[in-house]
C-alpha atoms as a PDB file:
ATOM      1  CA  MET A   1      59.332  79.391  64.217  1.00  0.00           C
ATOM      2  CA  VAL A   2      61.468  80.125  61.179  1.00  0.00           C
ATOM      3  CA  LYS A   3      60.057  82.757  58.850  1.00  0.00           C
ATOM      4  CA  ASN A   4      60.662  82.552  55.119  1.00  0.00           C
ATOM      5  CA  ASN A   5      59.139  84.985  52.609  1.00  0.00           C
ATOM      6  CA  ASN A   6      56.570  86.221  55.139  1.00  0.00           C
ATOM      7  CA  HIS A   7      55.229  82.669  55.745  1.00  0.00           C
ATOM      8  CA  SER A   8      56.236  80.416  58.588  1.00  0.00           C
ATOM      9  CA  VAL A   9      57.509  76.917  57.815  1.00  0.00           C
ATOM     10  CA  PHE A  10      54.342  75.567  59.426  1.00  0.00           C
ATOM     11  CA  GLU A  11      52.115  77.708  57.185  1.00  0.00           C
ATOM     12  CA  LYS A  12      54.003  76.631  54.057  1.00  0.00           C
ATOM     13  CA  SER A  13      53.664  72.980  55.047  1.00  0.00           C
ATOM     14  CA  ARG A  14      49.956  73.427  55.714  1.00  0.00           C
ATOM     15  CA  ILE A  15      49.440  75.196  52.371  1.00  0.00           C
ATOM     16  CA  LYS A  16      51.468  72.557  50.533  1.00  0.00           C
ATOM     17  CA  ASN A  17      49.368  69.723  52.013  1.00  0.00           C
ATOM     18  CA  SER A  18      46.028  71.463  51.456  1.00  0.00           C
ATOM     19  CA  ILE A  19      43.527  69.809  49.162  1.00  0.00           C
ATOM     20  CA  PHE A  20      42.285  73.215  48.042  1.00  0.00           C
ATOM     21  CA  PRO A  21      43.982  75.153  45.260  1.00  0.00           C
ATOM     22  CA  PRO A  22      45.519  78.543  46.022  1.00  0.00           C
ATOM     23  CA  GLN A  23      42.959  81.348  46.258  1.00  0.00           C
ATOM     24  CA  GLU A  24      44.036  82.869  42.911  1.00  0.00           C
ATOM     25  CA  GLU A  25      43.551  79.533  41.114  1.00  0.00           C
ATOM     26  CA  PHE A  26      40.184  78.994  42.778  1.00  0.00           C
ATOM     27  CA  GLU A  27      38.989  82.453  41.697  1.00  0.00           C
ATOM     28  CA  ARG A  28      40.257  81.866  38.140  1.00  0.00           C
ATOM     29  CA  VAL A  29      38.326  78.586  37.857  1.00  0.00           C
ATOM     30  CA  VAL A  30      35.134  80.106  39.276  1.00  0.00           C
ATOM     31  CA  GLU A  31      35.377  83.033  36.852  1.00  0.00           C
ATOM     32  CA  LYS A  32      35.939  80.698  33.898  1.00  0.00           C
ATOM     33  CA  ALA A  33      32.969  78.540  34.895  1.00  0.00           C
ATOM     34  CA  GLN A  34      30.718  81.567  35.190  1.00  0.00           C
ATOM     35  CA  LYS A  35      31.662  82.663  31.665  1.00  0.00           C
ATOM     36  CA  SER A  36      31.136  79.231  30.164  1.00  0.00           C
ATOM     37  CA  ASP A  37      28.317  79.029  27.691  1.00  0.00           C
ATOM     38  CA  LYS A  38      27.857  75.310  27.260  1.00  0.00           C
ATOM     39  CA  ARG A  39      29.053  72.290  29.159  1.00  0.00           C
ATOM     40  CA  THR A  40      29.279  73.699  32.671  1.00  0.00           C
ATOM     41  CA  ASN A  41      26.707  72.710  35.256  1.00  0.00           C
ATOM     42  CA  PHE A  42      25.111  75.765  36.738  1.00  0.00           C
ATOM     43  CA  VAL A  43      24.346  75.783  40.427  1.00  0.00           C
ATOM     44  CA  LEU A  44      21.170  77.311  41.734  1.00  0.00           C
ATOM     45  CA  PRO A  45      21.983  80.444  43.754  1.00  0.00           C
ATOM     46  CA  PRO A  46      20.604  80.628  47.311  1.00  0.00           C
ATOM     47  CA  ASN A  47      18.503  83.684  46.416  1.00  0.00           C
ATOM     48  CA  ALA A  48      16.834  81.991  43.416  1.00  0.00           C
ATOM     49  CA  THR A  49      13.237  82.857  42.663  1.00  0.00           C
ATOM     50  CA  ALA A  50      10.422  80.317  42.810  1.00  0.00           C
ATOM     51  CA  ALA A  51      10.387  80.066  38.999  1.00  0.00           C
ATOM     52  CA  GLU A  52      14.166  79.539  38.882  1.00  0.00           C
ATOM     53  CA  ARG A  53      13.924  76.757  41.476  1.00  0.00           C
ATOM     54  CA  ALA A  54      11.128  75.066  39.534  1.00  0.00           C
ATOM     55  CA  LYS A  55      13.093  75.306  36.249  1.00  0.00           C
ATOM     56  CA  TYR A  56      16.209  73.935  37.951  1.00  0.00           C
ATOM     57  CA  LYS A  57      14.337  70.952  39.380  1.00  0.00           C
ATOM     58  CA  LEU A  58      12.735  70.208  36.008  1.00  0.00           C
ATOM     59  CA  CYS A  59      16.160  70.306  34.320  1.00  0.00           C
ATOM     60  CA  LYS A  60      17.533  67.895  36.918  1.00  0.00           C
ATOM     61  CA  THR A  61      14.531  65.601  36.425  1.00  0.00           C
ATOM     62  CA  ILE A  62      15.013  65.548  32.643  1.00  0.00           C
ATOM     63  CA  ALA A  63      18.730  64.831  33.145  1.00  0.00           C
ATOM     64  CA  ARG A  64      17.835  61.943  35.446  1.00  0.00           C
ATOM     65  CA  TYR A  65      15.419  60.625  32.801  1.00  0.00           C
ATOM     66  CA  GLU A  66      18.246  60.702  30.242  1.00  0.00           C
ATOM     67  CA  ARG A  67      20.578  58.756  32.558  1.00  0.00           C
ATOM     68  CA  GLU A  68      18.007  56.200  33.697  1.00  0.00           C
ATOM     69  CA  ASN A  69      16.934  55.499  30.114  1.00  0.00           C
ATOM     70  CA  LYS A  70      20.559  55.382  28.915  1.00  0.00           C
ATOM     71  CA  LEU A  71      19.946  58.010  26.243  1.00  0.00           C
ATOM     72  CA  SER A  72      22.673  60.030  24.592  1.00  0.00           C
ATOM     73  CA  GLU A  73      22.265  63.793  24.453  1.00  0.00           C
ATOM     74  CA  GLN A  74      21.454  63.470  20.749  1.00  0.00           C
ATOM     75  CA  GLU A  75      18.778  60.830  21.444  1.00  0.00           C
ATOM     76  CA  LEU A  76      17.202  63.022  24.114  1.00  0.00           C
ATOM     77  CA  ALA A  77      17.211  66.008  21.758  1.00  0.00           C
ATOM     78  CA  LYS A  78      15.562  63.942  19.018  1.00  0.00           C
ATOM     79  CA  LYS A  79      12.946  62.589  21.433  1.00  0.00           C
ATOM     80  CA  LEU A  80      12.105  66.159  22.508  1.00  0.00           C
ATOM     81  CA  GLY A  81      12.267  67.574  18.980  1.00  0.00           C
ATOM     82  CA  ILE A  82      14.945  70.102  19.875  1.00  0.00           C
ATOM     83  CA  THR A  83      18.536  70.807  18.872  1.00  0.00           C
ATOM     84  CA  HIS A  84      21.501  69.267  20.645  1.00  0.00           C
ATOM     85  CA  ALA A  85      22.466  72.749  21.875  1.00  0.00           C
ATOM     86  CA  GLN A  86      19.030  73.155  23.486  1.00  0.00           C
ATOM     87  CA  ALA A  87      19.325  69.723  25.115  1.00  0.00           C
ATOM     88  CA  GLU A  88      22.683  70.796  26.580  1.00  0.00           C
ATOM     89  CA  LYS A  89      21.053  73.882  28.095  1.00  0.00           C
ATOM     90  CA  ILE A  90      18.593  71.594  29.868  1.00  0.00           C
ATOM     91  CA  LEU A  91      21.116  68.977  30.954  1.00  0.00           C
ATOM     92  CA  PHE A  92      23.522  71.603  32.315  1.00  0.00           C
ATOM     93  CA  CYS A  93      20.741  73.649  33.983  1.00  0.00           C
ATOM     94  CA  HIS A  94      21.183  76.878  32.035  1.00  0.00           C
ATOM     95  CA  ILE A  95      17.882  78.060  33.486  1.00  0.00           C
ATOM     96  CA  ASP A  96      18.465  81.647  32.422  1.00  0.00           C
ATOM     97  CA  GLU A  97      18.058  80.473  28.808  1.00  0.00           C
ATOM     98  CA  LEU A  98      14.985  78.282  29.382  1.00  0.00           C
ATOM     99  CA  ASP A  99      11.315  79.002  29.930  1.00  0.00           C
ATOM    100  CA  LEU A 100       9.331  77.215  32.610  1.00  0.00           C
ATOM    101  CA  GLU A 101       6.561  76.462  30.124  1.00  0.00           C
ATOM    102  CA  GLU A 102       8.920  74.795  27.646  1.00  0.00           C
ATOM    103  CA  LEU A 103      10.395  72.623  30.405  1.00  0.00           C
ATOM    104  CA  VAL A 104       6.899  71.559  31.442  1.00  0.00           C
ATOM    105  CA  ASN A 105       6.171  70.697  27.799  1.00  0.00           C
ATOM    106  CA  TYR A 106       9.370  68.623  27.569  1.00  0.00           C
ATOM    107  CA  THR A 107       8.381  66.548  30.589  1.00  0.00           C
ATOM    108  CA  GLU A 108       5.019  66.026  28.934  1.00  0.00           C
ATOM    109  CA  GLU A 109       6.796  64.936  25.728  1.00  0.00           C
ATOM    110  CA  LEU A 110       8.732  62.363  27.774  1.00  0.00           C
ATOM    111  CA  ALA A 111       5.425  61.083  29.193  1.00  0.00           C
ATOM    112  CA  MET A 112       6.512  61.952  32.721  1.00  0.00           C
ATOM    113  CA  PRO A 113       3.709  62.697  35.195  1.00  0.00           C
ATOM    114  CA  LEU A 114       4.274  66.216  36.463  1.00  0.00           C
ATOM    115  CA  GLU A 115       3.488  68.067  39.667  1.00  0.00           C
ATOM    116  CA  VAL A 116       4.323  71.758  40.044  1.00  0.00           C
ATOM    117  CA  LYS A 117       3.730  73.444  43.376  1.00  0.00           C
ATOM    118  CA  ILE A 118       4.448  77.120  43.955  1.00  0.00           C
ATOM    119  CA  ASN A 119       3.701  78.686  47.312  1.00  0.00           C
ATOM    120  CA  SER A 120       3.084  82.364  47.782  1.00  0.00           C
ATOM    121  CA  LYS A 121       5.769  84.894  48.618  1.00  0.00           C
ATOM    122  CA  TYR A 122       4.674  84.752  52.215  1.00  0.00           C
ATOM    123  CA  ALA A 123       5.638  81.087  52.375  1.00  0.00           C
ATOM    124  CA  ARG A 124       9.274  81.969  51.558  1.00  0.00           C
ATOM    125  CA  GLU A 125       8.728  81.614  47.802  1.00  0.00           C
ATOM    126  CA  LYS A 126       9.304  77.868  47.868  1.00  0.00           C
ATOM    127  CA  ALA A 127       8.701  76.111  44.600  1.00  0.00           C
ATOM    128  CA  SER A 128       8.957  72.552  43.603  1.00  0.00           C
ATOM    129  CA  ALA A 129       8.469  70.769  40.368  1.00  0.00           C
ATOM    130  CA  LYS A 130       8.459  67.019  40.191  1.00  0.00           C
ATOM    131  CA  ALA A 131       8.189  64.765  37.225  1.00  0.00           C
ATOM    132  CA  TYR A 132       7.976  61.078  37.982  1.00  0.00           C
END
């Protein structure tokens, strides 16, 4: 196989046809997303605590409510009596900036029946929060 700049022709072809960006670009995008303070959806880490999982699920439920009721972010904020910036924190799951109690209160404000279930540490710290 012909070598060119330490990569074989086959490797270059494979890299060129890849759907993934180069590793450096991927790392740059991940770093930028982690530094974002507003309109980036946060993903729940695998080692999340029970409270973090419950907050995340409540945020997702409120976001679903917004979509299903065809509300704008501003309309949701007004309905909850909060600022647009606070509504964004909920809709983009910025759980590190939200309290579990306030999320429970927001679901109450939206007249959504709520069920929160938190198992003990010995049950693998599973938590669920559902608003219907």
